[in-house]
Amino acid sequence: MLKLLGRKNAFNVRKVLWLLDELGLPFEQEDWGRDFRPTQVPEFLALNPFGTVPVLLDGEAVLRESHVILRYLASREHAWSLYPRGLVQRAHVEAWMDWVAYDMTVAMRGGYLGGELGLEPWAQPQFREVGQAEYAKRMGQIDAALADGGPFLCGHEFTLADIPAGFVVHRWFHLSKLPEKPAMPALGAYYERLSERPAFRRHIRNGLA
């Protein structure tokens, strides 16, 4: 039985929960992290010395980092429509996953943690304003990509690319403290398209930002 360690309201844990649901996999889940069991105790650090969630246990295998776990689960289940075996198609999927992990960092810290939640030090004006502008810029890039292709990020099929990206799009539509939010019709249509998926509704568009 798969076991997922990490609180169900954590950004990176919710991505894994979404995929587990998409795949219909049975699993156990334990809440670790903020307001739950601390991840800095020896029991958890023996599994992940970085003390971050999620951690996935699959028999003797211990995996960390949400995007690694997404790729592992799709490969484990031979879910090739989500994670293509062809190297070029797979590279396109991974490019979007890495884009969220790297290019969205400033936007998520300044624009969401600082601008929306008011968490320090990201709530300082220099972080918040840059992050908010960066968030709008990056969402514009997704909007343009979808307008040029779609209906999903890598074409006609829903893939792993849409899980990390779909989550940051969800948060974009929950930002309430931006000075202005430009119209992005392709992005809005994409959000509604993802919302047709029951797993997205259960784990992402479920009342939490």
N, C-alpha and C. Protein backbone atom coordinates (compact mmCIF):
# COMPACT_ATOMS: atom_id res chain seq x y z
N MET A 1 0.83 -1.19 0.00
CA MET A 1 0.00 0.00 0.00
C MET A 1 0.87 1.25 0.00
N LEU A 2 0.61 2.15 -0.91
CA LEU A 2 1.30 3.44 -0.92
C LEU A 2 0.95 4.23 0.32
N LYS A 3 1.92 4.97 0.83
CA LYS A 3 1.67 5.87 1.96
C LYS A 3 2.21 7.24 1.61
N LEU A 4 1.39 8.26 1.76
CA LEU A 4 1.78 9.64 1.48
C LEU A 4 1.86 10.40 2.78
N LEU A 5 3.02 10.99 3.03
CA LEU A 5 3.25 11.78 4.24
C LEU A 5 3.21 13.26 3.87
N GLY A 6 2.33 14.00 4.52
CA GLY A 6 2.21 15.43 4.26
C GLY A 6 0.77 15.88 4.46
N ARG A 7 0.62 17.09 4.97
CA ARG A 7 -0.72 17.62 5.26
C ARG A 7 -1.50 17.84 3.96
N LYS A 8 -2.79 17.55 4.01
CA LYS A 8 -3.61 17.57 2.81
C LYS A 8 -3.85 18.98 2.26
N ASN A 9 -3.51 20.01 3.03
CA ASN A 9 -3.69 21.37 2.53
C ASN A 9 -2.39 22.00 2.05
N ALA A 10 -1.33 21.20 1.93
CA ALA A 10 -0.03 21.72 1.48
C ALA A 10 0.02 21.73 -0.05
N PHE A 11 0.61 22.78 -0.60
CA PHE A 11 0.70 22.97 -2.04
C PHE A 11 1.24 21.73 -2.75
N ASN A 12 2.39 21.26 -2.33
CA ASN A 12 3.03 20.16 -3.04
C ASN A 12 2.36 18.82 -2.77
N VAL A 13 1.76 18.67 -1.61
CA VAL A 13 1.03 17.43 -1.30
C VAL A 13 -0.23 17.34 -2.15
N ARG A 14 -0.91 18.44 -2.34
CA ARG A 14 -2.17 18.43 -3.10
C ARG A 14 -1.96 18.01 -4.56
N LYS A 15 -0.81 18.35 -5.12
CA LYS A 15 -0.51 17.90 -6.48
C LYS A 15 -0.45 16.37 -6.55
N VAL A 16 0.18 15.76 -5.55
CA VAL A 16 0.29 14.30 -5.53
C VAL A 16 -1.07 13.68 -5.27
N LEU A 17 -1.86 14.26 -4.37
CA LEU A 17 -3.20 13.75 -4.12
C LEU A 17 -4.04 13.78 -5.40
N TRP A 18 -3.90 14.84 -6.18
CA TRP A 18 -4.62 14.95 -7.44
C TRP A 18 -4.27 13.78 -8.36
N LEU A 19 -2.97 13.50 -8.51
CA LEU A 19 -2.59 12.42 -9.41
C LEU A 19 -3.01 11.06 -8.87
N LEU A 20 -2.85 10.82 -7.58
CA LEU A 20 -3.29 9.55 -7.01
C LEU A 20 -4.76 9.31 -7.31
N ASP A 21 -5.55 10.37 -7.21
CA ASP A 21 -6.98 10.28 -7.50
C ASP A 21 -7.22 10.02 -8.98
N GLU A 22 -6.50 10.73 -9.84
CA GLU A 22 -6.63 10.50 -11.29
C GLU A 22 -6.33 9.05 -11.66
N LEU A 23 -5.35 8.47 -10.99
CA LEU A 23 -4.94 7.10 -11.29
C LEU A 23 -5.80 6.06 -10.58
N GLY A 24 -6.61 6.50 -9.63
CA GLY A 24 -7.45 5.56 -8.89
C GLY A 24 -6.67 4.64 -7.99
N LEU A 25 -5.56 5.13 -7.43
CA LEU A 25 -4.70 4.28 -6.62
C LEU A 25 -5.10 4.31 -5.15
N PRO A 26 -5.16 3.16 -4.50
CA PRO A 26 -5.38 3.15 -3.05
C PRO A 26 -4.12 3.59 -2.32
N PHE A 27 -4.28 4.32 -1.25
CA PHE A 27 -3.12 4.80 -0.50
C PHE A 27 -3.56 5.21 0.90
N GLU A 28 -2.59 5.29 1.78
CA GLU A 28 -2.80 5.86 3.11
C GLU A 28 -2.13 7.23 3.13
N GLN A 29 -2.67 8.12 3.94
CA GLN A 29 -2.11 9.47 4.02
C GLN A 29 -2.00 9.88 5.48
N GLU A 30 -0.88 10.47 5.85
CA GLU A 30 -0.66 10.98 7.20
C GLU A 30 -0.34 12.46 7.14
N ASP A 31 -0.95 13.24 8.01
CA ASP A 31 -0.70 14.69 8.06
C ASP A 31 0.60 14.98 8.78
N TRP A 32 1.53 15.55 8.05
CA TRP A 32 2.80 16.02 8.59
C TRP A 32 3.01 17.45 8.11
N GLY A 33 3.67 18.26 8.93
CA GLY A 33 3.96 19.63 8.54
C GLY A 33 3.17 20.61 9.36
N ARG A 34 3.10 21.83 8.91
CA ARG A 34 2.51 22.95 9.64
C ARG A 34 1.18 22.58 10.31
N ASP A 35 1.11 22.82 11.63
CA ASP A 35 -0.07 22.57 12.46
C ASP A 35 -0.35 21.08 12.69
N PHE A 36 0.51 20.22 12.18
CA PHE A 36 0.34 18.79 12.38
C PHE A 36 1.63 18.22 12.98
N ARG A 37 1.97 17.02 12.68
CA ARG A 37 3.19 16.42 13.22
C ARG A 37 4.41 17.11 12.61
N PRO A 38 5.37 17.51 13.45
CA PRO A 38 6.53 18.25 12.92
C PRO A 38 7.42 17.38 12.07
N THR A 39 7.94 17.97 10.99
CA THR A 39 8.80 17.21 10.08
C THR A 39 10.27 17.25 10.48
N GLN A 40 10.58 17.94 11.58
CA GLN A 40 11.97 18.03 12.00
C GLN A 40 12.33 17.01 13.07
N VAL A 41 11.46 16.05 13.29
CA VAL A 41 11.76 15.01 14.28
C VAL A 41 12.56 13.90 13.60
N PRO A 42 13.35 13.15 14.38
CA PRO A 42 14.19 12.11 13.79
C PRO A 42 13.43 11.11 12.93
N GLU A 43 12.22 10.75 13.33
CA GLU A 43 11.42 9.78 12.58
C GLU A 43 11.19 10.23 11.14
N PHE A 44 10.88 11.52 10.96
CA PHE A 44 10.64 12.02 9.61
C PHE A 44 11.95 12.29 8.88
N LEU A 45 12.92 12.85 9.58
CA LEU A 45 14.19 13.18 8.94
C LEU A 45 14.94 11.93 8.46
N ALA A 46 14.65 10.79 9.06
CA ALA A 46 15.24 9.55 8.58
C ALA A 46 14.73 9.19 7.19
N LEU A 47 13.53 9.68 6.87
CA LEU A 47 12.95 9.45 5.55
C LEU A 47 13.33 10.54 4.56
N ASN A 48 13.33 11.77 5.04
CA ASN A 48 13.68 12.92 4.20
C ASN A 48 14.50 13.89 5.03
N PRO A 49 15.82 13.90 4.89
CA PRO A 49 16.67 14.76 5.71
C PRO A 49 16.43 16.25 5.49
N PHE A 50 15.69 16.62 4.43
CA PHE A 50 15.37 18.02 4.20
C PHE A 50 14.14 18.46 4.99
N GLY A 51 13.40 17.52 5.54
CA GLY A 51 12.26 17.85 6.38
C GLY A 51 11.10 18.49 5.64
N THR A 52 10.92 18.16 4.37
CA THR A 52 9.85 18.74 3.57
C THR A 52 8.83 17.67 3.18
N VAL A 53 7.63 18.13 2.89
CA VAL A 53 6.59 17.24 2.38
C VAL A 53 6.30 17.61 0.94
N PRO A 54 5.85 16.60 0.15
CA PRO A 54 5.46 15.26 0.53
C PRO A 54 6.61 14.27 0.52
N VAL A 55 6.37 13.15 1.18
CA VAL A 55 7.20 11.97 1.06
C VAL A 55 6.27 10.82 0.69
N LEU A 56 6.66 10.03 -0.29
CA LEU A 56 5.87 8.87 -0.69
C LEU A 56 6.64 7.59 -0.33
N LEU A 57 5.95 6.69 0.33
CA LEU A 57 6.52 5.39 0.66
C LEU A 57 5.83 4.34 -0.19
N ASP A 58 6.64 3.57 -0.92
CA ASP A 58 6.12 2.49 -1.76
C ASP A 58 6.97 1.26 -1.48
N GLY A 59 6.54 0.46 -0.52
CA GLY A 59 7.38 -0.65 -0.08
C GLY A 59 8.66 -0.12 0.53
N GLU A 60 9.78 -0.55 -0.03
CA GLU A 60 11.08 -0.09 0.47
C GLU A 60 11.49 1.24 -0.14
N ALA A 61 10.79 1.69 -1.16
CA ALA A 61 11.15 2.95 -1.83
C ALA A 61 10.65 4.14 -1.02
N VAL A 62 11.52 5.13 -0.88
CA VAL A 62 11.18 6.38 -0.18
C VAL A 62 11.49 7.52 -1.14
N LEU A 63 10.47 8.28 -1.50
CA LEU A 63 10.63 9.33 -2.51
C LEU A 63 10.22 10.68 -1.95
N ARG A 64 10.97 11.70 -2.34
CA ARG A 64 10.64 13.08 -1.97
C ARG A 64 10.59 13.93 -3.24
N GLU A 65 10.11 15.16 -3.11
CA GLU A 65 9.94 16.13 -4.18
C GLU A 65 8.70 15.79 -5.01
N SER A 66 7.75 16.69 -5.01
CA SER A 66 6.44 16.40 -5.59
C SER A 66 6.51 16.03 -7.07
N HIS A 67 7.33 16.72 -7.85
CA HIS A 67 7.36 16.43 -9.28
C HIS A 67 8.04 15.10 -9.57
N VAL A 68 9.01 14.72 -8.75
CA VAL A 68 9.62 13.40 -8.86
C VAL A 68 8.56 12.33 -8.57
N ILE A 69 7.76 12.57 -7.54
CA ILE A 69 6.72 11.62 -7.17
C ILE A 69 5.68 11.51 -8.29
N LEU A 70 5.32 12.62 -8.90
CA LEU A 70 4.36 12.57 -10.01
C LEU A 70 4.89 11.70 -11.15
N ARG A 71 6.15 11.91 -11.51
CA ARG A 71 6.74 11.12 -12.61
C ARG A 71 6.85 9.65 -12.23
N TYR A 72 7.20 9.39 -10.98
CA TYR A 72 7.33 8.01 -10.52
C TYR A 72 5.99 7.29 -10.59
N LEU A 73 4.94 7.91 -10.09
CA LEU A 73 3.63 7.26 -10.07
C LEU A 73 3.11 7.00 -11.48
N ALA A 74 3.26 7.98 -12.37
CA ALA A 74 2.80 7.79 -13.74
C ALA A 74 3.57 6.65 -14.41
N SER A 75 4.87 6.58 -14.18
CA SER A 75 5.68 5.50 -14.76
C SER A 75 5.32 4.16 -14.12
N ARG A 76 5.15 4.15 -12.83
CA ARG A 76 4.79 2.92 -12.10
C ARG A 76 3.50 2.31 -12.65
N GLU A 77 2.55 3.18 -13.00
CA GLU A 77 1.25 2.72 -13.47
C GLU A 77 1.15 2.62 -14.99
N HIS A 78 2.29 2.87 -15.68
CA HIS A 78 2.31 2.85 -17.15
C HIS A 78 1.26 3.80 -17.73
N ALA A 79 1.13 4.94 -17.08
CA ALA A 79 0.15 5.93 -17.52
C ALA A 79 0.79 6.82 -18.58
N TRP A 80 1.00 6.23 -19.75
CA TRP A 80 1.78 6.90 -20.79
C TRP A 80 1.03 8.06 -21.43
N SER A 81 -0.28 8.13 -21.30
CA SER A 81 -0.98 9.32 -21.79
C SER A 81 -0.65 10.53 -20.93
N LEU A 82 -0.36 10.28 -19.65
CA LEU A 82 0.02 11.37 -18.75
C LEU A 82 1.50 11.70 -18.87
N TYR A 83 2.32 10.70 -19.11
CA TYR A 83 3.78 10.86 -19.11
C TYR A 83 4.34 10.06 -20.28
N PRO A 84 4.35 10.63 -21.47
CA PRO A 84 4.65 9.87 -22.69
C PRO A 84 6.01 9.19 -22.66
N ARG A 85 6.08 8.04 -23.32
CA ARG A 85 7.36 7.33 -23.42
C ARG A 85 8.27 7.96 -24.46
N GLY A 86 7.71 8.59 -25.49
CA GLY A 86 8.54 9.25 -26.48
C GLY A 86 9.34 10.38 -25.87
N LEU A 87 10.63 10.42 -26.17
CA LEU A 87 11.51 11.38 -25.49
C LEU A 87 11.13 12.83 -25.77
N VAL A 88 10.75 13.15 -26.98
CA VAL A 88 10.41 14.53 -27.30
C VAL A 88 9.12 14.93 -26.60
N GLN A 89 8.10 14.07 -26.68
CA GLN A 89 6.84 14.37 -26.01
C GLN A 89 7.02 14.47 -24.50
N ARG A 90 7.83 13.57 -23.95
CA ARG A 90 8.11 13.61 -22.51
C ARG A 90 8.84 14.90 -22.14
N ALA A 91 9.75 15.33 -22.97
CA ALA A 91 10.49 16.56 -22.69
C ALA A 91 9.56 17.76 -22.63
N HIS A 92 8.55 17.79 -23.50
CA HIS A 92 7.60 18.90 -23.47
C HIS A 92 6.82 18.91 -22.15
N VAL A 93 6.43 17.73 -21.68
CA VAL A 93 5.74 17.64 -20.39
C VAL A 93 6.63 18.11 -19.26
N GLU A 94 7.87 17.62 -19.25
CA GLU A 94 8.78 17.97 -18.16
C GLU A 94 9.17 19.44 -18.21
N ALA A 95 9.20 20.02 -19.39
CA ALA A 95 9.53 21.44 -19.49
C ALA A 95 8.52 22.29 -18.72
N TRP A 96 7.23 21.97 -18.86
CA TRP A 96 6.21 22.71 -18.11
C TRP A 96 6.31 22.44 -16.61
N MET A 97 6.62 21.21 -16.24
CA MET A 97 6.78 20.90 -14.82
C MET A 97 7.95 21.68 -14.22
N ASP A 98 9.06 21.73 -14.95
CA ASP A 98 10.21 22.50 -14.47
C ASP A 98 9.93 23.99 -14.48
N TRP A 99 9.15 24.44 -15.44
CA TRP A 99 8.77 25.85 -15.51
C TRP A 99 8.05 26.28 -14.23
N VAL A 100 7.14 25.45 -13.75
CA VAL A 100 6.46 25.77 -12.50
C VAL A 100 7.46 25.77 -11.34
N ALA A 101 8.34 24.77 -11.31
CA ALA A 101 9.28 24.64 -10.19
C ALA A 101 10.26 25.80 -10.13
N TYR A 102 10.64 26.37 -11.29
CA TYR A 102 11.67 27.40 -11.31
C TYR A 102 11.12 28.78 -11.66
N ASP A 103 10.46 28.89 -12.78
CA ASP A 103 10.04 30.20 -13.25
C ASP A 103 8.93 30.80 -12.40
N MET A 104 8.16 29.97 -11.70
CA MET A 104 7.08 30.48 -10.87
C MET A 104 7.52 30.81 -9.44
N THR A 105 8.80 30.61 -9.12
CA THR A 105 9.25 30.78 -7.74
C THR A 105 9.02 32.20 -7.23
N VAL A 106 9.47 33.19 -7.97
CA VAL A 106 9.32 34.58 -7.54
C VAL A 106 7.84 34.95 -7.44
N ALA A 107 7.06 34.49 -8.42
CA ALA A 107 5.63 34.79 -8.42
C ALA A 107 4.94 34.19 -7.21
N MET A 108 5.25 32.96 -6.88
CA MET A 108 4.58 32.30 -5.76
C MET A 108 5.00 32.90 -4.43
N ARG A 109 6.25 33.28 -4.31
CA ARG A 109 6.72 33.84 -3.03
C ARG A 109 6.22 35.27 -2.84
N GLY A 110 6.49 36.12 -3.81
CA GLY A 110 6.08 37.51 -3.67
C GLY A 110 4.61 37.73 -3.94
N GLY A 111 4.11 37.10 -5.00
CA GLY A 111 2.73 37.34 -5.40
C GLY A 111 1.71 36.64 -4.54
N TYR A 112 2.04 35.42 -4.09
CA TYR A 112 1.07 34.68 -3.29
C TYR A 112 1.39 34.73 -1.79
N LEU A 113 2.58 34.25 -1.40
CA LEU A 113 2.91 34.23 0.02
C LEU A 113 2.95 35.64 0.61
N GLY A 114 3.54 36.57 -0.14
CA GLY A 114 3.61 37.95 0.35
C GLY A 114 2.38 38.76 0.04
N GLY A 115 2.01 38.81 -1.24
CA GLY A 115 0.91 39.66 -1.66
C GLY A 115 -0.44 39.21 -1.18
N GLU A 116 -0.66 37.90 -1.10
CA GLU A 116 -1.98 37.38 -0.73
C GLU A 116 -2.05 37.01 0.75
N LEU A 117 -1.04 36.29 1.25
CA LEU A 117 -1.08 35.82 2.63
C LEU A 117 -0.40 36.76 3.62
N GLY A 118 0.39 37.69 3.11
CA GLY A 118 1.07 38.65 3.98
C GLY A 118 2.18 38.04 4.81
N LEU A 119 2.80 36.97 4.32
CA LEU A 119 3.87 36.33 5.08
C LEU A 119 5.20 37.05 4.84
N GLU A 120 5.95 37.23 5.92
CA GLU A 120 7.27 37.85 5.83
C GLU A 120 8.33 36.81 5.48
N PRO A 121 9.39 37.21 4.77
CA PRO A 121 9.70 38.57 4.32
C PRO A 121 9.05 38.94 2.99
N TRP A 122 8.25 38.02 2.43
CA TRP A 122 7.73 38.22 1.08
C TRP A 122 6.69 39.32 1.00
N ALA A 123 6.13 39.74 2.16
CA ALA A 123 5.14 40.81 2.16
C ALA A 123 5.77 42.20 2.03
N GLN A 124 7.10 42.28 2.14
CA GLN A 124 7.76 43.57 1.95
C GLN A 124 7.50 44.07 0.52
N PRO A 125 7.28 45.39 0.37
CA PRO A 125 6.87 45.91 -0.95
C PRO A 125 7.75 45.47 -2.11
N GLN A 126 9.07 45.40 -1.89
CA GLN A 126 9.96 45.06 -3.01
C GLN A 126 9.75 43.63 -3.47
N PHE A 127 9.41 42.73 -2.55
CA PHE A 127 9.11 41.35 -2.93
C PHE A 127 7.70 41.23 -3.50
N ARG A 128 6.75 41.85 -2.79
CA ARG A 128 5.34 41.71 -3.16
C ARG A 128 5.07 42.25 -4.56
N GLU A 129 5.56 43.43 -4.85
CA GLU A 129 5.26 44.06 -6.14
C GLU A 129 5.91 43.31 -7.30
N VAL A 130 7.14 42.88 -7.09
CA VAL A 130 7.81 42.10 -8.15
C VAL A 130 7.09 40.78 -8.35
N GLY A 131 6.71 40.14 -7.25
CA GLY A 131 6.03 38.86 -7.34
C GLY A 131 4.68 38.95 -8.03
N GLN A 132 3.92 39.98 -7.73
CA GLN A 132 2.62 40.15 -8.36
C GLN A 132 2.76 40.39 -9.86
N ALA A 133 3.73 41.21 -10.24
CA ALA A 133 3.97 41.46 -11.66
C ALA A 133 4.44 40.19 -12.35
N GLU A 134 5.27 39.42 -11.65
CA GLU A 134 5.78 38.17 -12.22
C GLU A 134 4.65 37.15 -12.40
N TYR A 135 3.74 37.10 -11.45
CA TYR A 135 2.62 36.17 -11.54
C TYR A 135 1.78 36.48 -12.78
N ALA A 136 1.48 37.76 -12.98
CA ALA A 136 0.70 38.16 -14.16
C ALA A 136 1.44 37.82 -15.45
N LYS A 137 2.74 38.06 -15.46
CA LYS A 137 3.54 37.76 -16.65
C LYS A 137 3.50 36.27 -16.97
N ARG A 138 3.70 35.43 -15.95
CA ARG A 138 3.75 33.99 -16.18
C ARG A 138 2.38 33.45 -16.59
N MET A 139 1.31 33.96 -16.01
CA MET A 139 -0.01 33.51 -16.43
C MET A 139 -0.29 33.94 -17.87
N GLY A 140 0.24 35.08 -18.27
CA GLY A 140 0.12 35.51 -19.66
C GLY A 140 0.83 34.55 -20.60
N GLN A 141 1.94 33.97 -20.14
CA GLN A 141 2.65 33.00 -20.96
C GLN A 141 1.84 31.72 -21.14
N ILE A 142 1.18 31.27 -20.07
CA ILE A 142 0.31 30.10 -20.21
C ILE A 142 -0.87 30.42 -21.12
N ASP A 143 -1.46 31.58 -20.93
CA ASP A 143 -2.59 32.00 -21.76
C ASP A 143 -2.21 31.98 -23.24
N ALA A 144 -1.04 32.51 -23.56
CA ALA A 144 -0.58 32.55 -24.95
C ALA A 144 -0.34 31.14 -25.48
N ALA A 145 0.26 30.27 -24.67
CA ALA A 145 0.53 28.90 -25.10
C ALA A 145 -0.78 28.16 -25.37
N LEU A 146 -1.76 28.36 -24.52
CA LEU A 146 -3.05 27.69 -24.71
C LEU A 146 -3.79 28.24 -25.92
N ALA A 147 -3.70 29.54 -26.12
CA ALA A 147 -4.36 30.15 -27.28
C ALA A 147 -3.76 29.64 -28.58
N ASP A 148 -2.46 29.32 -28.54
CA ASP A 148 -1.75 28.86 -29.73
C ASP A 148 -1.90 27.36 -29.95
N GLY A 149 -2.28 26.63 -28.90
CA GLY A 149 -2.38 25.18 -29.01
C GLY A 149 -3.60 24.68 -28.27
N GLY A 150 -3.36 23.99 -27.15
CA GLY A 150 -4.45 23.52 -26.32
C GLY A 150 -5.16 22.31 -26.90
N PRO A 151 -6.20 21.87 -26.19
CA PRO A 151 -6.85 22.50 -25.03
C PRO A 151 -6.07 22.35 -23.73
N PHE A 152 -5.03 21.48 -23.73
CA PHE A 152 -4.17 21.36 -22.57
C PHE A 152 -2.77 21.83 -22.94
N LEU A 153 -1.88 21.87 -21.97
CA LEU A 153 -0.58 22.50 -22.21
C LEU A 153 0.26 21.78 -23.25
N CYS A 154 0.10 20.46 -23.34
CA CYS A 154 0.88 19.71 -24.31
C CYS A 154 0.02 19.19 -25.45
N GLY A 155 -1.09 19.86 -25.71
CA GLY A 155 -1.91 19.48 -26.85
C GLY A 155 -3.29 19.00 -26.44
N HIS A 156 -3.73 17.94 -27.08
CA HIS A 156 -5.11 17.48 -26.88
C HIS A 156 -5.30 16.63 -25.64
N GLU A 157 -4.22 16.12 -25.08
CA GLU A 157 -4.32 15.21 -23.94
C GLU A 157 -3.92 15.91 -22.64
N PHE A 158 -4.64 15.61 -21.58
CA PHE A 158 -4.25 15.99 -20.23
C PHE A 158 -3.01 15.19 -19.85
N THR A 159 -1.97 15.87 -19.36
CA THR A 159 -0.72 15.20 -18.99
C THR A 159 -0.25 15.69 -17.62
N LEU A 160 0.88 15.15 -17.18
CA LEU A 160 1.47 15.61 -15.93
C LEU A 160 1.78 17.10 -15.96
N ALA A 161 2.00 17.65 -17.15
CA ALA A 161 2.28 19.09 -17.25
C ALA A 161 1.16 19.91 -16.64
N ASP A 162 -0.08 19.43 -16.75
CA ASP A 162 -1.23 20.19 -16.32
C ASP A 162 -1.46 20.15 -14.82
N ILE A 163 -0.77 19.28 -14.10
CA ILE A 163 -0.99 19.20 -12.67
C ILE A 163 -0.30 20.34 -11.93
N PRO A 164 1.04 20.51 -12.02
CA PRO A 164 1.64 21.68 -11.37
C PRO A 164 1.12 22.99 -11.95
N ALA A 165 1.01 23.07 -13.27
CA ALA A 165 0.54 24.31 -13.90
C ALA A 165 -0.90 24.60 -13.52
N GLY A 166 -1.74 23.56 -13.49
CA GLY A 166 -3.13 23.76 -13.13
C GLY A 166 -3.29 24.31 -11.73
N PHE A 167 -2.40 23.92 -10.84
CA PHE A 167 -2.49 24.41 -9.47
C PHE A 167 -2.13 25.90 -9.39
N VAL A 168 -1.08 26.33 -10.08
CA VAL A 168 -0.72 27.75 -10.01
C VAL A 168 -1.76 28.60 -10.74
N VAL A 169 -2.42 28.03 -11.75
CA VAL A 169 -3.53 28.73 -12.39
C VAL A 169 -4.69 28.88 -11.40
N HIS A 170 -4.97 27.83 -10.66
CA HIS A 170 -6.01 27.90 -9.62
C HIS A 170 -5.71 29.03 -8.65
N ARG A 171 -4.48 29.13 -8.20
CA ARG A 171 -4.14 30.19 -7.25
C ARG A 171 -4.25 31.57 -7.89
N TRP A 172 -3.93 31.67 -9.17
CA TRP A 172 -4.08 32.94 -9.87
C TRP A 172 -5.52 33.44 -9.77
N PHE A 173 -6.46 32.57 -9.97
CA PHE A 173 -7.87 32.98 -9.94
C PHE A 173 -8.37 33.22 -8.52
N HIS A 174 -7.55 32.89 -7.53
CA HIS A 174 -7.90 33.20 -6.15
C HIS A 174 -7.16 34.41 -5.60
N LEU A 175 -6.27 34.99 -6.38
CA LEU A 175 -5.59 36.20 -5.93
C LEU A 175 -6.58 37.36 -5.90
N SER A 176 -6.70 37.99 -4.76
CA SER A 176 -7.67 39.08 -4.61
C SER A 176 -7.01 40.43 -4.38
N LYS A 177 -5.69 40.45 -4.22
CA LYS A 177 -5.01 41.69 -3.84
C LYS A 177 -4.09 42.22 -4.93
N LEU A 178 -4.25 41.75 -6.15
CA LEU A 178 -3.49 42.31 -7.26
C LEU A 178 -4.02 43.69 -7.61
N PRO A 179 -3.14 44.63 -7.98
CA PRO A 179 -3.62 45.95 -8.42
C PRO A 179 -4.59 45.84 -9.58
N GLU A 180 -4.31 44.94 -10.52
CA GLU A 180 -5.23 44.65 -11.62
C GLU A 180 -4.92 43.26 -12.15
N LYS A 181 -5.95 42.62 -12.69
CA LYS A 181 -5.78 41.28 -13.22
C LYS A 181 -6.21 41.30 -14.68
N PRO A 182 -5.26 41.25 -15.61
CA PRO A 182 -5.60 41.35 -17.03
C PRO A 182 -6.47 40.19 -17.49
N ALA A 183 -7.30 40.44 -18.47
CA ALA A 183 -8.16 39.39 -19.03
C ALA A 183 -7.31 38.37 -19.78
N MET A 184 -7.56 37.12 -19.51
CA MET A 184 -6.85 36.03 -20.19
C MET A 184 -7.87 34.95 -20.51
N PRO A 185 -8.55 35.08 -21.64
CA PRO A 185 -9.65 34.15 -21.94
C PRO A 185 -9.23 32.70 -22.10
N ALA A 186 -8.08 32.45 -22.71
CA ALA A 186 -7.64 31.06 -22.87
C ALA A 186 -7.32 30.44 -21.52
N LEU A 187 -6.75 31.23 -20.63
CA LEU A 187 -6.44 30.74 -19.29
C LEU A 187 -7.72 30.43 -18.52
N GLY A 188 -8.71 31.32 -18.63
CA GLY A 188 -9.98 31.08 -17.96
C GLY A 188 -10.67 29.83 -18.46
N ALA A 189 -10.63 29.61 -19.77
CA ALA A 189 -11.25 28.41 -20.34
C ALA A 189 -10.51 27.15 -19.87
N TYR A 190 -9.20 27.25 -19.76
CA TYR A 190 -8.39 26.13 -19.27
C TYR A 190 -8.76 25.79 -17.83
N TYR A 191 -8.92 26.80 -17.00
CA TYR A 191 -9.29 26.59 -15.60
C TYR A 191 -10.63 25.87 -15.50
N GLU A 192 -11.58 26.29 -16.30
CA GLU A 192 -12.88 25.63 -16.29
C GLU A 192 -12.79 24.21 -16.84
N ARG A 193 -11.92 24.01 -17.82
CA ARG A 193 -11.73 22.66 -18.38
C ARG A 193 -11.15 21.73 -17.33
N LEU A 194 -10.15 22.20 -16.59
CA LEU A 194 -9.59 21.39 -15.50
C LEU A 194 -10.64 21.11 -14.44
N SER A 195 -11.52 22.08 -14.23
CA SER A 195 -12.54 21.94 -13.18
C SER A 195 -13.59 20.90 -13.52
N GLU A 196 -13.60 20.44 -14.74
CA GLU A 196 -14.50 19.35 -15.12
C GLU A 196 -13.99 18.01 -14.62
N ARG A 197 -12.75 17.97 -14.18
CA ARG A 197 -12.15 16.73 -13.69
C ARG A 197 -12.47 16.58 -12.20
N PRO A 198 -13.12 15.50 -11.80
CA PRO A 198 -13.48 15.33 -10.38
C PRO A 198 -12.29 15.42 -9.43
N ALA A 199 -11.14 14.87 -9.84
CA ALA A 199 -9.97 14.89 -8.95
C ALA A 199 -9.48 16.32 -8.73
N PHE A 200 -9.58 17.17 -9.73
CA PHE A 200 -9.20 18.57 -9.58
C PHE A 200 -10.13 19.25 -8.59
N ARG A 201 -11.41 18.96 -8.68
CA ARG A 201 -12.38 19.53 -7.76
C ARG A 201 -12.13 19.06 -6.33
N ARG A 202 -11.77 17.81 -6.17
CA ARG A 202 -11.59 17.29 -4.82
C ARG A 202 -10.34 17.82 -4.14
N HIS A 203 -9.26 18.02 -4.90
CA HIS A 203 -7.98 18.32 -4.25
C HIS A 203 -7.46 19.73 -4.53
N ILE A 204 -7.92 20.39 -5.57
CA ILE A 204 -7.41 21.72 -5.91
C ILE A 204 -8.51 22.77 -5.78
N ARG A 205 -9.52 22.69 -6.63
CA ARG A 205 -10.62 23.66 -6.55
C ARG A 205 -11.66 23.18 -5.54
N ASN A 206 -11.21 23.14 -4.29
CA ASN A 206 -12.02 22.56 -3.21
C ASN A 206 -12.27 23.53 -2.07
N GLY A 207 -12.22 24.81 -2.37
CA GLY A 207 -12.42 25.83 -1.35
C GLY A 207 -11.13 26.36 -0.76
N LEU A 208 -9.99 25.72 -1.05
CA LEU A 208 -8.68 26.19 -0.61
C LEU A 208 -7.97 26.88 -1.78
N ALA A 209 -7.18 27.91 -1.48
CA ALA A 209 -6.39 28.55 -2.52
C ALA A 209 -5.11 27.77 -2.74
